[in-house]
Amino acid sequence: MATIHDEIDSWLAADLHGELSDSEQSVLHAHLLDCAGCRKTHQEIKTMNKVLEETLAHQKPDPAFEQRMLVGFRRRAPQRAGLVKLLVDVMRLRAVQITAVAAALLGLVQIGRMITGENATSRHERHAEAEVAAPQPPESRPSQADALGRSARSGVGQSQTHSKRNCRTGNRQL
């Protein structure tokens, strides 16, 4: 674990700019009381900061300096043209960004399904298929005789109905 002595430059810079909490300041000042080398470095940094502030205080740039720098930078920066510029401009639109994120998420879901082997059927459909495929208990299954009897009765009823219809229309069956 690093100690204050190992990171003294960071601690002193933070103290100089007032970025230390009260507890950190007390730890730093306790260290400066014990360590002569760090105390000397602290005094040098304070002196150098004071000299720089006094020397450069009146050397402030005019308010238009930043604007001139930006204009100069934009002139030197190459302008994109053609397809690349069009794509960059389109990607700046919020709707296109949202659509792109949605498409990426859907793609990831599909890739996950392919990797896991899951198909697109829903849980409900899989559950219904499992119930159909599951064997039924003997008491709930209709007997074969009952099934044959029902099919024979329905066949007779249909042929009688069909015959009556043909008789009414004048068609006879042989």
C-alpha atoms as a PDB file:
ATOM      1  CA  MET A   1       0.000   0.000   0.000  1.00  0.00           C
ATOM      2  CA  ALA A   2       1.330   3.416  -0.935  1.00  0.00           C
ATOM      3  CA  THR A   3       1.996   5.912   1.821  1.00  0.00           C
ATOM      4  CA  ILE A   4       1.724   9.690   1.757  1.00  0.00           C
ATOM      5  CA  HIS A   5       5.506   9.882   1.378  1.00  0.00           C
ATOM      6  CA  ASP A   6       5.371   7.825  -1.850  1.00  0.00           C
ATOM      7  CA  GLU A   7       2.658  10.068  -3.357  1.00  0.00           C
ATOM      8  CA  ILE A   8       3.692  13.394  -1.828  1.00  0.00           C
ATOM      9  CA  ASP A   9       3.515  15.311  -5.134  1.00  0.00           C
ATOM     10  CA  SER A  10      -0.177  14.424  -5.601  1.00  0.00           C
ATOM     11  CA  TRP A  11      -0.971  15.265  -1.966  1.00  0.00           C
ATOM     12  CA  LEU A  12       0.830  18.616  -2.143  1.00  0.00           C
ATOM     13  CA  ALA A  13      -0.865  19.592  -5.430  1.00  0.00           C
ATOM     14  CA  ALA A  14      -4.270  18.708  -3.977  1.00  0.00           C
ATOM     15  CA  ASP A  15      -3.496  20.729  -0.834  1.00  0.00           C
ATOM     16  CA  LEU A  16      -2.334  23.699  -2.901  1.00  0.00           C
ATOM     17  CA  HIS A  17      -5.626  23.771  -4.827  1.00  0.00           C
ATOM     18  CA  GLY A  18      -7.785  23.119  -1.750  1.00  0.00           C
ATOM     19  CA  GLU A  19      -8.973  19.668  -2.866  1.00  0.00           C
ATOM     20  CA  LEU A  20      -8.204  17.800   0.378  1.00  0.00           C
ATOM     21  CA  SER A  21     -10.834  17.033   2.996  1.00  0.00           C
ATOM     22  CA  ASP A  22     -10.241  18.096   6.609  1.00  0.00           C
ATOM     23  CA  SER A  23      -9.097  14.619   7.624  1.00  0.00           C
ATOM     24  CA  GLU A  24      -6.717  14.395   4.643  1.00  0.00           C
ATOM     25  CA  GLN A  25      -5.284  17.831   5.466  1.00  0.00           C
ATOM     26  CA  SER A  26      -4.588  16.802   9.063  1.00  0.00           C
ATOM     27  CA  VAL A  27      -2.867  13.579   7.864  1.00  0.00           C
ATOM     28  CA  LEU A  28      -0.734  15.573   5.388  1.00  0.00           C
ATOM     29  CA  HIS A  29       0.268  18.216   7.959  1.00  0.00           C
ATOM     30  CA  ALA A  30       1.140  15.511  10.492  1.00  0.00           C
ATOM     31  CA  HIS A  31       3.405  13.921   7.864  1.00  0.00           C
ATOM     32  CA  LEU A  32       4.984  17.284   7.024  1.00  0.00           C
ATOM     33  CA  LEU A  33       5.868  17.745  10.732  1.00  0.00           C
ATOM     34  CA  ASP A  34       7.662  14.373  10.761  1.00  0.00           C
ATOM     35  CA  CYS A  35       9.373  14.451   7.325  1.00  0.00           C
ATOM     36  CA  ALA A  36      11.898  17.240   6.586  1.00  0.00           C
ATOM     37  CA  GLY A  37      12.231  16.308   2.863  1.00  0.00           C
ATOM     38  CA  CYS A  38       8.491  16.534   2.234  1.00  0.00           C
ATOM     39  CA  ARG A  39       8.315  19.765   4.225  1.00  0.00           C
ATOM     40  CA  LYS A  40      11.049  21.273   1.984  1.00  0.00           C
ATOM     41  CA  THR A  41       9.194  20.123  -1.179  1.00  0.00           C
ATOM     42  CA  HIS A  42       5.980  21.679   0.182  1.00  0.00           C
ATOM     43  CA  GLN A  43       7.696  25.056   0.691  1.00  0.00           C
ATOM     44  CA  GLU A  44       9.214  24.961  -2.810  1.00  0.00           C
ATOM     45  CA  ILE A  45       5.837  24.226  -4.410  1.00  0.00           C
ATOM     46  CA  LYS A  46       4.153  27.032  -2.463  1.00  0.00           C
ATOM     47  CA  THR A  47       6.891  29.495  -3.466  1.00  0.00           C
ATOM     48  CA  MET A  48       6.790  28.473  -7.132  1.00  0.00           C
ATOM     49  CA  ASN A  49       2.980  28.776  -7.225  1.00  0.00           C
ATOM     50  CA  LYS A  50       3.169  32.269  -5.668  1.00  0.00           C
ATOM     51  CA  VAL A  51       5.767  33.434  -8.223  1.00  0.00           C
ATOM     52  CA  LEU A  52       3.722  32.065 -11.141  1.00  0.00           C
ATOM     53  CA  GLU A  53       0.525  33.738  -9.928  1.00  0.00           C
ATOM     54  CA  GLU A  54       2.262  37.105  -9.478  1.00  0.00           C
ATOM     55  CA  THR A  55       4.064  36.924 -12.832  1.00  0.00           C
ATOM     56  CA  LEU A  56       1.218  35.671 -14.972  1.00  0.00           C
ATOM     57  CA  ALA A  57      -1.700  37.419 -13.247  1.00  0.00           C
ATOM     58  CA  HIS A  58      -1.657  40.293 -15.691  1.00  0.00           C
ATOM     59  CA  GLN A  59      -0.951  38.014 -18.709  1.00  0.00           C
ATOM     60  CA  LYS A  60      -4.517  36.900 -19.312  1.00  0.00           C
ATOM     61  CA  PRO A  61      -5.742  36.310 -22.873  1.00  0.00           C
ATOM     62  CA  ASP A  62      -8.442  38.537 -24.314  1.00  0.00           C
ATOM     63  CA  PRO A  63     -11.996  37.130 -24.386  1.00  0.00           C
ATOM     64  CA  ALA A  64     -11.932  36.398 -28.139  1.00  0.00           C
ATOM     65  CA  PHE A  65      -8.818  34.200 -27.798  1.00  0.00           C
ATOM     66  CA  GLU A  66     -10.800  30.988 -27.368  1.00  0.00           C
ATOM     67  CA  GLN A  67     -12.999  31.761 -30.370  1.00  0.00           C
ATOM     68  CA  ARG A  68      -9.944  32.470 -32.558  1.00  0.00           C
ATOM     69  CA  MET A  69      -8.370  29.176 -31.495  1.00  0.00           C
ATOM     70  CA  LEU A  70     -11.532  27.224 -32.381  1.00  0.00           C
ATOM     71  CA  VAL A  71     -11.863  28.896 -35.781  1.00  0.00           C
ATOM     72  CA  GLY A  72      -8.221  28.174 -36.562  1.00  0.00           C
ATOM     73  CA  PHE A  73      -8.603  24.560 -35.529  1.00  0.00           C
ATOM     74  CA  ARG A  74     -11.712  24.085 -37.661  1.00  0.00           C
ATOM     75  CA  ARG A  75      -9.931  25.544 -40.688  1.00  0.00           C
ATOM     76  CA  ARG A  76      -7.047  23.099 -40.313  1.00  0.00           C
ATOM     77  CA  ALA A  77      -9.195  20.039 -39.600  1.00  0.00           C
ATOM     78  CA  PRO A  78     -10.002  18.109 -42.763  1.00  0.00           C
ATOM     79  CA  GLN A  79     -13.641  18.246 -43.844  1.00  0.00           C
ATOM     80  CA  ARG A  80     -15.273  14.919 -44.651  1.00  0.00           C
ATOM     81  CA  ALA A  81     -17.201  14.682 -47.880  1.00  0.00           C
ATOM     82  CA  GLY A  82     -19.421  12.180 -49.609  1.00  0.00           C
ATOM     83  CA  LEU A  83     -20.753   9.008 -48.045  1.00  0.00           C
ATOM     84  CA  VAL A  84     -18.756   9.258 -44.813  1.00  0.00           C
ATOM     85  CA  LYS A  85     -20.114  12.749 -44.087  1.00  0.00           C
ATOM     86  CA  LEU A  86     -23.653  11.574 -44.838  1.00  0.00           C
ATOM     87  CA  LEU A  87     -23.321   8.587 -42.472  1.00  0.00           C
ATOM     88  CA  VAL A  88     -21.882  10.759 -39.706  1.00  0.00           C
ATOM     89  CA  ASP A  89     -24.705  13.281 -40.091  1.00  0.00           C
ATOM     90  CA  VAL A  90     -27.364  10.549 -40.072  1.00  0.00           C
ATOM     91  CA  MET A  91     -25.870   8.886 -36.975  1.00  0.00           C
ATOM     92  CA  ARG A  92     -26.162  12.189 -35.108  1.00  0.00           C
ATOM     93  CA  LEU A  93     -29.967  11.951 -35.269  1.00  0.00           C
ATOM     94  CA  ARG A  94     -31.462  10.649 -32.014  1.00  0.00           C
ATOM     95  CA  ALA A  95     -34.068   8.461 -33.754  1.00  0.00           C
ATOM     96  CA  VAL A  96     -31.376   6.733 -35.807  1.00  0.00           C
ATOM     97  CA  GLN A  97     -29.291   6.133 -32.688  1.00  0.00           C
ATOM     98  CA  ILE A  98     -32.254   4.588 -30.850  1.00  0.00           C
ATOM     99  CA  THR A  99     -33.091   2.411 -33.844  1.00  0.00           C
ATOM    100  CA  ALA A 100     -29.486   1.254 -34.116  1.00  0.00           C
ATOM    101  CA  VAL A 101     -29.379   0.309 -30.429  1.00  0.00           C
ATOM    102  CA  ALA A 102     -32.687  -1.582 -30.725  1.00  0.00           C
ATOM    103  CA  ALA A 103     -31.435  -3.462 -33.786  1.00  0.00           C
ATOM    104  CA  ALA A 104     -28.202  -4.358 -31.997  1.00  0.00           C
ATOM    105  CA  LEU A 105     -30.129  -5.675 -28.986  1.00  0.00           C
ATOM    106  CA  LEU A 106     -32.427  -7.768 -31.178  1.00  0.00           C
ATOM    107  CA  GLY A 107     -29.404  -9.140 -32.987  1.00  0.00           C
ATOM    108  CA  LEU A 108     -27.788 -10.103 -29.694  1.00  0.00           C
ATOM    109  CA  VAL A 109     -30.981 -11.874 -28.598  1.00  0.00           C
ATOM    110  CA  GLN A 110     -31.051 -13.843 -31.840  1.00  0.00           C
ATOM    111  CA  ILE A 111     -27.394 -14.774 -31.491  1.00  0.00           C
ATOM    112  CA  GLY A 112     -28.105 -15.929 -27.941  1.00  0.00           C
ATOM    113  CA  ARG A 113     -30.964 -18.095 -29.195  1.00  0.00           C
ATOM    114  CA  MET A 114     -28.744 -19.600 -31.864  1.00  0.00           C
ATOM    115  CA  ILE A 115     -25.992 -20.359 -29.351  1.00  0.00           C
ATOM    116  CA  THR A 116     -28.339 -21.912 -26.799  1.00  0.00           C
ATOM    117  CA  GLY A 117     -30.391 -23.736 -29.432  1.00  0.00           C
ATOM    118  CA  GLU A 118     -33.643 -22.159 -28.290  1.00  0.00           C
ATOM    119  CA  ASN A 119     -36.192 -21.791 -31.045  1.00  0.00           C
ATOM    120  CA  ALA A 120     -38.673 -18.988 -31.426  1.00  0.00           C
ATOM    121  CA  THR A 121     -41.695 -20.814 -29.964  1.00  0.00           C
ATOM    122  CA  SER A 122     -43.131 -19.359 -26.844  1.00  0.00           C
ATOM    123  CA  ARG A 123     -43.282 -21.111 -23.483  1.00  0.00           C
ATOM    124  CA  HIS A 124     -47.030 -21.494 -23.882  1.00  0.00           C
ATOM    125  CA  GLU A 125     -46.649 -23.311 -27.203  1.00  0.00           C
ATOM    126  CA  ARG A 126     -43.941 -25.604 -25.795  1.00  0.00           C
ATOM    127  CA  HIS A 127     -46.131 -26.353 -22.791  1.00  0.00           C
ATOM    128  CA  ALA A 128     -49.103 -27.212 -25.037  1.00  0.00           C
ATOM    129  CA  GLU A 129     -46.905 -29.480 -27.166  1.00  0.00           C
ATOM    130  CA  ALA A 130     -45.616 -31.223 -24.052  1.00  0.00           C
ATOM    131  CA  GLU A 131     -49.181 -31.867 -22.838  1.00  0.00           C
ATOM    132  CA  VAL A 132     -50.189 -33.371 -26.177  1.00  0.00           C
ATOM    133  CA  ALA A 133     -47.106 -35.559 -26.288  1.00  0.00           C
ATOM    134  CA  ALA A 134     -47.471 -36.706 -22.678  1.00  0.00           C
ATOM    135  CA  PRO A 135     -49.227 -40.084 -22.230  1.00  0.00           C
ATOM    136  CA  GLN A 136     -52.728 -39.838 -20.804  1.00  0.00           C
ATOM    137  CA  PRO A 137     -53.794 -41.940 -17.817  1.00  0.00           C
ATOM    138  CA  PRO A 138     -55.895 -45.029 -18.760  1.00  0.00           C
ATOM    139  CA  GLU A 139     -59.151 -43.718 -17.253  1.00  0.00           C
ATOM    140  CA  SER A 140     -59.003 -40.511 -19.323  1.00  0.00           C
ATOM    141  CA  ARG A 141     -58.281 -42.324 -22.626  1.00  0.00           C
ATOM    142  CA  PRO A 142     -61.344 -43.391 -24.601  1.00  0.00           C
ATOM    143  CA  SER A 143     -61.486 -47.080 -25.391  1.00  0.00           C
ATOM    144  CA  GLN A 144     -60.977 -48.210 -28.944  1.00  0.00           C
ATOM    145  CA  ALA A 145     -64.446 -49.704 -29.047  1.00  0.00           C
ATOM    146  CA  ASP A 146     -66.017 -46.383 -28.045  1.00  0.00           C
ATOM    147  CA  ALA A 147     -64.029 -44.549 -30.678  1.00  0.00           C
ATOM    148  CA  LEU A 148     -64.984 -47.040 -33.416  1.00  0.00           C
ATOM    149  CA  GLY A 149     -68.638 -46.903 -32.387  1.00  0.00           C
ATOM    150  CA  ARG A 150     -68.719 -43.107 -32.576  1.00  0.00           C
ATOM    151  CA  SER A 151     -67.080 -43.066 -35.977  1.00  0.00           C
ATOM    152  CA  ALA A 152     -69.498 -45.697 -37.313  1.00  0.00           C
ATOM    153  CA  ARG A 153     -72.498 -43.781 -36.023  1.00  0.00           C
ATOM    154  CA  SER A 154     -71.306 -40.534 -37.554  1.00  0.00           C
ATOM    155  CA  GLY A 155     -70.643 -42.271 -40.872  1.00  0.00           C
ATOM    156  CA  VAL A 156     -74.167 -43.722 -40.958  1.00  0.00           C
ATOM    157  CA  GLY A 157     -75.699 -40.375 -40.121  1.00  0.00           C
ATOM    158  CA  GLN A 158     -73.751 -38.686 -42.848  1.00  0.00           C
ATOM    159  CA  SER A 159     -74.682 -41.228 -45.505  1.00  0.00           C
ATOM    160  CA  GLN A 160     -78.367 -40.990 -44.564  1.00  0.00           C
ATOM    161  CA  THR A 161     -78.267 -37.216 -44.746  1.00  0.00           C
ATOM    162  CA  HIS A 162     -76.451 -37.403 -48.068  1.00  0.00           C
ATOM    163  CA  SER A 163     -79.062 -39.818 -49.466  1.00  0.00           C
ATOM    164  CA  LYS A 164     -81.971 -37.631 -48.393  1.00  0.00           C
ATOM    165  CA  ARG A 165     -80.355 -34.630 -50.037  1.00  0.00           C
ATOM    166  CA  ASN A 166     -79.830 -36.526 -53.294  1.00  0.00           C
ATOM    167  CA  CYS A 167     -83.441 -37.716 -53.305  1.00  0.00           C
ATOM    168  CA  ARG A 168     -84.735 -34.190 -52.909  1.00  0.00           C
ATOM    169  CA  THR A 169     -82.711 -32.943 -55.814  1.00  0.00           C
ATOM    170  CA  GLY A 170     -83.703 -35.840 -58.017  1.00  0.00           C
ATOM    171  CA  ASN A 171     -80.359 -37.630 -57.967  1.00  0.00           C
ATOM    172  CA  ARG A 172     -80.341 -41.269 -57.084  1.00  0.00           C
ATOM    173  CA  GLN A 173     -77.466 -43.225 -55.794  1.00  0.00           C
ATOM    174  CA  LEU A 174     -76.847 -46.712 -56.996  1.00  0.00           C
END
